[in-house]
N, C-alpha and C. Protein backbone atom coordinates (compact mmCIF):
# COMPACT_ATOMS: atom_id res chain seq x y z
N MET A 1 -93.65 -73.25 128.11
CA MET A 1 -94.13 -73.33 126.79
C MET A 1 -93.07 -73.61 125.75
N SER A 2 -92.95 -74.42 124.78
CA SER A 2 -91.91 -74.32 123.75
C SER A 2 -92.21 -73.18 122.68
N ARG A 3 -90.94 -73.01 122.23
CA ARG A 3 -91.19 -72.05 120.89
C ARG A 3 -91.29 -72.97 119.83
N ILE A 4 -91.99 -72.35 118.75
CA ILE A 4 -92.09 -72.88 117.44
C ILE A 4 -91.41 -72.02 116.46
N TYR A 5 -90.51 -72.76 115.61
CA TYR A 5 -89.53 -71.91 114.68
C TYR A 5 -90.07 -71.68 113.33
N ALA A 6 -91.24 -72.49 113.03
CA ALA A 6 -91.56 -72.49 111.40
C ALA A 6 -93.16 -72.63 111.65
N THR A 7 -93.68 -72.22 110.68
CA THR A 7 -95.05 -72.23 110.25
C THR A 7 -95.39 -73.18 109.13
N PRO A 8 -96.57 -73.55 109.04
CA PRO A 8 -97.02 -74.51 107.80
C PRO A 8 -96.63 -73.67 106.69
N GLY A 9 -96.66 -72.50 106.63
CA GLY A 9 -96.44 -71.73 105.39
C GLY A 9 -94.94 -71.66 104.96
N ASP A 10 -94.07 -71.86 106.14
CA ASP A 10 -92.55 -71.95 105.99
C ASP A 10 -92.35 -73.39 105.54
N TYR A 11 -93.16 -74.22 105.95
CA TYR A 11 -92.76 -75.83 105.61
C TYR A 11 -93.10 -75.75 104.06
N ASP A 12 -94.05 -75.07 103.44
CA ASP A 12 -94.63 -75.15 102.29
C ASP A 12 -93.43 -74.51 101.20
N THR A 13 -92.68 -73.51 101.89
CA THR A 13 -91.62 -72.80 101.09
C THR A 13 -90.40 -73.59 101.09
N PHE A 14 -90.09 -74.34 102.18
CA PHE A 14 -88.77 -75.16 102.08
C PHE A 14 -88.92 -76.70 101.78
N ALA A 15 -89.78 -77.11 101.77
CA ALA A 15 -90.10 -78.61 101.77
C ALA A 15 -90.12 -78.83 100.07
N GLU A 16 -89.83 -80.05 99.77
CA GLU A 16 -89.80 -80.51 98.21
C GLU A 16 -91.00 -80.91 97.77
N GLU A 17 -91.88 -81.37 98.78
CA GLU A 17 -93.20 -81.95 98.52
C GLU A 17 -94.04 -81.37 99.47
N PRO A 18 -95.27 -80.93 99.33
CA PRO A 18 -96.37 -80.63 100.36
C PRO A 18 -96.56 -81.82 101.38
N PHE A 19 -96.90 -81.27 102.46
CA PHE A 19 -97.22 -82.17 103.60
C PHE A 19 -98.57 -82.80 103.47
N GLU A 20 -98.60 -83.93 103.61
CA GLU A 20 -99.86 -84.96 103.05
C GLU A 20 -100.76 -85.23 104.44
N GLY A 21 -100.46 -84.53 105.42
CA GLY A 21 -101.36 -84.68 106.60
C GLY A 21 -102.22 -83.59 106.80
N THR A 22 -102.89 -83.62 107.86
CA THR A 22 -103.67 -82.28 108.46
C THR A 22 -102.69 -81.26 108.78
N ALA A 23 -103.37 -80.05 108.84
CA ALA A 23 -102.68 -79.06 109.26
C ALA A 23 -102.49 -78.83 110.60
N THR A 24 -103.26 -79.56 111.51
CA THR A 24 -102.94 -79.65 113.04
C THR A 24 -101.74 -80.76 113.15
N LEU A 25 -101.44 -81.75 112.52
CA LEU A 25 -100.69 -82.76 112.49
C LEU A 25 -99.12 -81.95 112.10
N LEU A 26 -99.30 -81.31 111.03
CA LEU A 26 -98.07 -80.47 110.50
C LEU A 26 -97.62 -79.38 111.65
N THR A 27 -98.60 -78.70 112.35
CA THR A 27 -98.18 -77.78 113.40
C THR A 27 -97.49 -78.73 114.71
N LYS A 28 -98.01 -79.79 115.12
CA LYS A 28 -97.56 -80.50 115.95
C LYS A 28 -96.11 -81.09 115.66
N ARG A 29 -95.87 -81.30 114.55
CA ARG A 29 -94.58 -82.00 113.98
C ARG A 29 -93.43 -80.67 113.84
N LEU A 30 -93.75 -79.45 113.60
CA LEU A 30 -93.24 -78.44 113.43
C LEU A 30 -92.71 -78.05 115.10
N ARG A 31 -93.78 -78.20 115.97
CA ARG A 31 -93.22 -78.05 117.21
C ARG A 31 -92.27 -78.86 117.79
N ALA A 32 -92.44 -80.19 117.61
CA ALA A 32 -91.63 -81.43 117.81
C ALA A 32 -90.27 -81.01 117.24
N ALA A 33 -90.28 -80.64 115.98
CA ALA A 33 -88.78 -80.36 115.45
C ALA A 33 -88.21 -79.12 115.97
N SER A 34 -89.10 -78.07 116.51
CA SER A 34 -88.44 -76.85 117.11
C SER A 34 -87.89 -77.24 118.34
N ILE A 35 -88.45 -78.38 119.21
CA ILE A 35 -87.89 -78.69 120.37
C ILE A 35 -86.52 -79.46 120.10
N GLU A 36 -86.31 -80.19 118.88
CA GLU A 36 -85.06 -80.59 118.65
C GLU A 36 -83.96 -79.64 118.11
N VAL A 37 -84.37 -78.69 117.20
CA VAL A 37 -83.43 -77.46 117.26
C VAL A 37 -83.00 -76.92 118.52
N GLU A 38 -84.06 -76.60 119.21
CA GLU A 38 -83.44 -76.00 120.53
C GLU A 38 -82.67 -76.94 121.43
N LYS A 39 -82.79 -78.05 121.29
CA LYS A 39 -81.73 -79.19 122.01
C LYS A 39 -80.45 -79.11 121.30
N ILE A 40 -80.39 -79.08 120.02
CA ILE A 40 -79.35 -79.02 119.41
C ILE A 40 -78.30 -77.82 119.42
N THR A 41 -78.98 -76.74 119.62
CA THR A 41 -78.42 -75.46 119.78
C THR A 41 -78.26 -74.72 121.21
N ARG A 42 -78.49 -75.66 122.10
CA ARG A 42 -78.59 -75.33 123.73
C ARG A 42 -77.20 -74.55 123.96
N ARG A 43 -76.15 -75.10 123.40
CA ARG A 43 -74.91 -74.23 123.72
C ARG A 43 -74.57 -73.15 123.13
N ALA A 44 -75.26 -72.86 121.91
CA ALA A 44 -74.94 -71.71 120.89
C ALA A 44 -75.30 -70.33 121.49
N TRP A 45 -74.18 -69.41 121.19
CA TRP A 45 -74.57 -68.01 121.50
C TRP A 45 -75.20 -67.18 120.54
N TYR A 46 -76.29 -66.79 120.83
CA TYR A 46 -76.99 -65.80 120.08
C TYR A 46 -77.98 -64.86 120.84
N ASP A 47 -78.17 -63.51 120.30
CA ASP A 47 -79.32 -62.79 120.91
C ASP A 47 -80.63 -63.16 120.67
N THR A 48 -81.24 -62.99 121.60
CA THR A 48 -82.80 -63.29 121.77
C THR A 48 -83.66 -62.10 122.06
N ASP A 49 -84.92 -62.36 121.79
CA ASP A 49 -85.89 -61.37 122.28
C ASP A 49 -86.31 -61.73 123.52
N THR A 50 -87.46 -60.85 124.18
CA THR A 50 -87.86 -61.47 125.34
C THR A 50 -88.48 -62.82 125.49
N ASP A 51 -89.01 -63.08 124.39
CA ASP A 51 -89.74 -64.68 124.15
C ASP A 51 -88.43 -65.79 124.02
N GLY A 52 -87.43 -65.39 123.75
CA GLY A 52 -86.41 -66.26 123.56
C GLY A 52 -86.11 -66.56 122.18
N TYR A 53 -86.73 -65.88 121.16
CA TYR A 53 -86.50 -66.31 119.65
C TYR A 53 -85.00 -65.43 119.29
N PRO A 54 -84.42 -65.93 118.44
CA PRO A 54 -83.24 -65.25 117.87
C PRO A 54 -83.82 -63.88 117.32
N THR A 55 -82.98 -62.89 117.60
CA THR A 55 -83.16 -61.71 116.85
C THR A 55 -82.35 -61.47 115.67
N ASP A 56 -81.26 -62.05 115.33
CA ASP A 56 -80.65 -62.17 114.06
C ASP A 56 -81.25 -62.64 112.95
N THR A 57 -81.56 -62.05 111.86
CA THR A 57 -82.42 -62.47 110.95
C THR A 57 -81.83 -63.75 110.28
N ASP A 58 -80.51 -64.08 110.11
CA ASP A 58 -79.86 -65.12 109.65
C ASP A 58 -79.85 -66.37 110.50
N ILE A 59 -79.70 -66.22 111.69
CA ILE A 59 -79.92 -67.18 112.81
C ILE A 59 -81.72 -67.55 112.89
N SER A 60 -82.22 -66.64 112.90
CA SER A 60 -83.93 -67.03 112.89
C SER A 60 -84.19 -67.82 111.62
N ALA A 61 -83.47 -67.41 110.58
CA ALA A 61 -83.88 -68.13 109.08
C ALA A 61 -83.30 -69.60 109.45
N ALA A 62 -82.02 -69.61 110.02
CA ALA A 62 -81.61 -71.10 109.92
C ALA A 62 -82.39 -71.97 110.94
N PHE A 63 -83.06 -71.52 111.95
CA PHE A 63 -83.76 -72.40 112.85
C PHE A 63 -85.12 -72.54 112.18
N THR A 64 -85.58 -71.71 111.26
CA THR A 64 -86.91 -71.99 110.49
C THR A 64 -86.47 -73.08 109.51
N GLU A 65 -85.46 -72.83 108.73
CA GLU A 65 -85.16 -73.93 107.78
C GLU A 65 -84.80 -75.40 108.38
N ALA A 66 -84.18 -75.39 109.46
CA ALA A 66 -83.80 -76.66 110.07
C ALA A 66 -85.03 -77.48 110.45
N THR A 67 -85.96 -76.53 111.22
CA THR A 67 -86.97 -77.08 111.54
C THR A 67 -87.82 -77.76 110.62
N CYS A 68 -87.93 -77.11 109.48
CA CYS A 68 -88.64 -77.64 108.32
C CYS A 68 -88.02 -78.85 107.57
N ALA A 69 -86.48 -78.81 107.74
CA ALA A 69 -85.78 -79.87 107.35
C ALA A 69 -86.03 -81.27 108.14
N ILE A 70 -86.11 -81.03 109.46
CA ILE A 70 -86.34 -81.96 110.14
C ILE A 70 -87.78 -82.50 110.11
N VAL A 71 -88.93 -81.82 109.80
CA VAL A 71 -89.99 -82.51 109.64
C VAL A 71 -90.03 -83.23 108.32
N GLU A 72 -89.50 -82.77 107.30
CA GLU A 72 -89.37 -83.20 106.11
C GLU A 72 -88.69 -84.42 106.04
N TYR A 73 -87.73 -84.75 106.89
CA TYR A 73 -86.98 -85.87 106.85
C TYR A 73 -87.67 -87.01 107.60
N TRP A 74 -88.53 -86.42 108.68
CA TRP A 74 -89.43 -87.28 109.25
C TRP A 74 -90.60 -87.92 108.40
N VAL A 75 -90.98 -86.82 107.59
CA VAL A 75 -92.12 -87.56 106.44
C VAL A 75 -91.25 -88.61 105.54
N GLU A 76 -90.01 -88.22 104.99
CA GLU A 76 -89.61 -89.15 104.30
C GLU A 76 -89.20 -90.54 104.86
N THR A 77 -88.88 -90.53 106.31
CA THR A 77 -88.37 -91.83 106.94
C THR A 77 -89.86 -92.51 107.78
N ASP A 78 -90.79 -91.71 107.61
CA ASP A 78 -92.14 -92.24 108.42
C ASP A 78 -91.76 -92.61 110.00
N ASP A 79 -90.66 -91.74 110.51
CA ASP A 79 -90.16 -92.27 111.93
C ASP A 79 -90.21 -90.85 112.76
N PRO A 80 -91.04 -90.10 113.01
CA PRO A 80 -91.07 -88.89 113.70
C PRO A 80 -90.58 -88.87 115.02
N MET A 81 -90.92 -90.06 115.59
CA MET A 81 -90.50 -90.39 117.03
C MET A 81 -89.01 -90.87 117.14
N GLY A 82 -88.50 -91.19 116.34
CA GLY A 82 -87.07 -91.73 116.13
C GLY A 82 -86.90 -92.99 116.53
N VAL A 83 -87.89 -93.88 116.61
CA VAL A 83 -88.12 -95.14 117.29
C VAL A 83 -87.15 -96.27 116.45
N GLU A 84 -87.26 -96.13 115.10
CA GLU A 84 -86.28 -96.90 114.16
C GLU A 84 -84.87 -96.68 114.55
N THR A 85 -84.54 -95.44 114.87
CA THR A 85 -83.02 -95.06 115.05
C THR A 85 -82.69 -95.53 116.45
N LEU A 86 -83.33 -95.80 117.39
CA LEU A 86 -82.85 -96.49 118.73
C LEU A 86 -82.77 -97.94 118.69
N GLU A 87 -83.69 -98.53 117.65
CA GLU A 87 -83.70 -100.08 117.63
C GLU A 87 -82.54 -100.57 116.87
N GLY A 88 -82.09 -101.64 117.57
CA GLY A 88 -80.84 -102.24 116.83
C GLY A 88 -81.50 -103.30 115.88
N ALA A 89 -80.78 -104.24 115.71
CA ALA A 89 -80.92 -105.54 114.65
C ALA A 89 -82.17 -106.27 115.11
N VAL A 90 -83.23 -106.64 114.11
CA VAL A 90 -84.10 -107.71 114.52
C VAL A 90 -83.72 -108.86 113.97
N LYS A 91 -83.46 -110.04 114.83
CA LYS A 91 -83.05 -111.19 114.48
C LYS A 91 -84.00 -112.31 114.45
N ILE A 92 -84.20 -113.07 113.52
CA ILE A 92 -84.96 -114.20 113.38
C ILE A 92 -84.23 -115.44 112.95
N GLY A 93 -83.95 -116.27 113.90
CA GLY A 93 -82.94 -117.18 113.42
C GLY A 93 -81.59 -116.70 113.22
N SER A 94 -81.22 -117.12 111.84
CA SER A 94 -79.86 -116.41 111.32
C SER A 94 -80.03 -115.52 110.67
N VAL A 95 -81.38 -114.97 110.24
CA VAL A 95 -81.67 -113.81 109.62
C VAL A 95 -81.61 -112.46 110.44
N SER A 96 -80.78 -111.54 109.93
CA SER A 96 -80.99 -110.15 110.60
C SER A 96 -81.32 -109.01 109.74
N LEU A 97 -82.31 -108.29 110.60
CA LEU A 97 -82.99 -107.24 109.72
C LEU A 97 -82.62 -105.87 110.30
N GLY A 98 -82.16 -104.96 109.63
CA GLY A 98 -81.64 -103.68 110.19
C GLY A 98 -80.08 -103.77 110.54
N THR A 99 -79.68 -102.83 111.35
CA THR A 99 -78.18 -102.89 111.68
C THR A 99 -77.79 -104.04 112.48
N THR A 100 -76.64 -104.48 112.35
CA THR A 100 -76.29 -105.45 113.42
C THR A 100 -76.00 -104.90 114.70
N SER A 101 -75.98 -105.75 115.62
CA SER A 101 -75.75 -105.18 117.08
C SER A 101 -74.51 -104.48 117.37
N SER A 102 -73.14 -105.15 116.42
CA SER A 102 -72.09 -104.53 116.78
C SER A 102 -72.07 -103.22 115.80
N SER A 103 -72.41 -102.96 114.84
CA SER A 103 -72.42 -101.71 114.24
C SER A 103 -73.30 -100.73 114.84
N ALA A 104 -74.46 -101.15 115.55
CA ALA A 104 -75.30 -100.21 116.18
C ALA A 104 -74.55 -99.35 117.41
N THR A 105 -73.76 -100.23 118.00
CA THR A 105 -72.94 -99.62 119.11
C THR A 105 -71.77 -98.75 118.70
N VAL A 106 -71.45 -98.67 117.69
CA VAL A 106 -70.17 -97.81 117.26
C VAL A 106 -70.56 -96.47 116.63
N LEU A 107 -71.88 -96.47 116.49
CA LEU A 107 -72.37 -95.12 115.88
C LEU A 107 -71.93 -93.95 117.08
N SER A 108 -71.62 -92.97 116.43
CA SER A 108 -71.35 -91.65 117.34
C SER A 108 -72.60 -91.18 117.69
N GLU A 109 -72.44 -90.07 118.53
CA GLU A 109 -73.62 -89.63 119.05
C GLU A 109 -74.20 -88.62 117.74
N GLY A 110 -73.19 -87.90 117.12
CA GLY A 110 -73.78 -87.15 115.79
C GLY A 110 -74.33 -88.21 114.89
N GLU A 111 -73.94 -89.22 114.62
CA GLU A 111 -74.42 -90.15 113.57
C GLU A 111 -75.91 -90.60 114.26
N LYS A 112 -76.00 -90.76 115.55
CA LYS A 112 -77.36 -91.11 116.06
C LYS A 112 -78.27 -90.05 115.54
N LEU A 113 -77.73 -88.84 116.05
CA LEU A 113 -78.67 -87.57 115.82
C LEU A 113 -78.99 -87.36 114.51
N ALA A 114 -78.11 -87.46 113.52
CA ALA A 114 -78.43 -87.43 112.10
C ALA A 114 -79.51 -88.50 111.62
N ARG A 115 -79.21 -89.58 112.10
CA ARG A 115 -80.23 -90.67 111.78
C ARG A 115 -81.81 -90.63 112.35
N ARG A 116 -81.56 -89.69 113.34
CA ARG A 116 -83.21 -89.25 114.04
C ARG A 116 -83.70 -88.12 113.31
N ILE A 117 -82.98 -87.03 112.86
CA ILE A 117 -83.43 -86.03 112.39
C ILE A 117 -83.10 -85.49 111.06
N GLY A 118 -82.08 -86.20 110.57
CA GLY A 118 -81.54 -85.92 109.14
C GLY A 118 -80.35 -85.12 109.09
N SER A 119 -79.24 -85.28 108.32
CA SER A 119 -78.10 -84.62 108.25
C SER A 119 -78.38 -83.24 107.56
N ARG A 120 -79.29 -82.94 107.07
CA ARG A 120 -79.52 -81.48 106.40
C ARG A 120 -79.86 -80.37 107.41
N ALA A 121 -80.64 -80.87 108.40
CA ALA A 121 -80.72 -79.94 109.56
C ALA A 121 -79.60 -79.61 110.23
N LEU A 122 -78.93 -80.58 110.39
CA LEU A 122 -77.48 -80.35 111.04
C LEU A 122 -76.62 -79.57 110.24
N ASP A 123 -76.68 -79.80 108.92
CA ASP A 123 -75.61 -78.79 108.05
C ASP A 123 -76.27 -77.57 108.16
N ILE A 124 -77.66 -77.08 107.97
CA ILE A 124 -78.09 -75.86 108.01
C ILE A 124 -77.64 -75.09 109.45
N LEU A 125 -77.69 -75.90 110.48
CA LEU A 125 -77.47 -75.22 111.99
C LEU A 125 -75.90 -75.06 111.97
N ALA A 126 -75.14 -75.99 111.37
CA ALA A 126 -73.45 -75.80 111.25
C ALA A 126 -73.24 -74.76 110.44
N ASN A 127 -73.86 -74.28 109.50
CA ASN A 127 -73.61 -73.31 108.24
C ASN A 127 -73.70 -72.11 108.97
N ALA A 128 -74.63 -71.94 109.91
CA ALA A 128 -75.20 -70.82 110.57
C ALA A 128 -74.04 -70.60 111.76
N GLY A 129 -73.22 -71.38 112.04
CA GLY A 129 -72.35 -71.24 113.23
C GLY A 129 -72.99 -71.67 114.32
N LEU A 130 -74.09 -72.58 114.49
CA LEU A 130 -74.95 -72.67 115.83
C LEU A 130 -74.32 -74.03 116.45
N ILE A 131 -73.83 -74.82 115.72
CA ILE A 131 -73.30 -76.02 116.16
C ILE A 131 -72.07 -76.37 115.50
N ASN A 132 -71.25 -77.31 116.34
CA ASN A 132 -69.96 -77.66 115.73
C ASN A 132 -70.17 -78.53 114.35
N SER A 133 -69.33 -78.15 113.28
CA SER A 133 -69.60 -78.95 112.08
C SER A 133 -69.56 -80.26 112.38
N ALA A 134 -68.52 -80.71 113.29
CA ALA A 134 -68.14 -82.15 113.28
C ALA A 134 -69.26 -82.90 113.78
N VAL A 135 -70.30 -82.32 114.49
CA VAL A 135 -71.55 -82.94 114.85
C VAL A 135 -72.25 -83.46 113.65
N SER A 136 -72.51 -82.55 112.33
CA SER A 136 -73.08 -82.90 111.52
C SER A 136 -72.54 -83.86 110.38
N HIS A 137 -71.15 -84.08 110.89
CA HIS A 137 -70.38 -85.08 109.87
C HIS A 137 -69.79 -86.15 110.62
N SER A 138 -70.43 -86.33 111.55
CA SER A 138 -69.85 -87.69 112.39
C SER A 138 -70.04 -88.90 112.06
């Protein structure tokens, strides 16, 4: 079972705009964003309780804020699954929409990650010492 690092109330606290979907959808997005936070911080060292949640209040707060930042980014991009991040250019004849195939292949892993979850969440986690700051600025 995955851990959820933010509640709908946390989202209301950190987000610029209220979530315009159902409470159930917001909870699902917070769960998905929590999985992203865990994946990004997988190699970080911090103390946890018996359920695997960080015990340090600053680390816990960073997890919560980053989780909310990811959901807020997904609201802005309307791409919670990251589909558009993975797609390359769409070409119709000589017209190309989106990235060109040459520029899509030169994106670093950090840039791809930032395009999928937003750079603010990466900055929050880097500032808390949970990831290498180079990841958030690749």
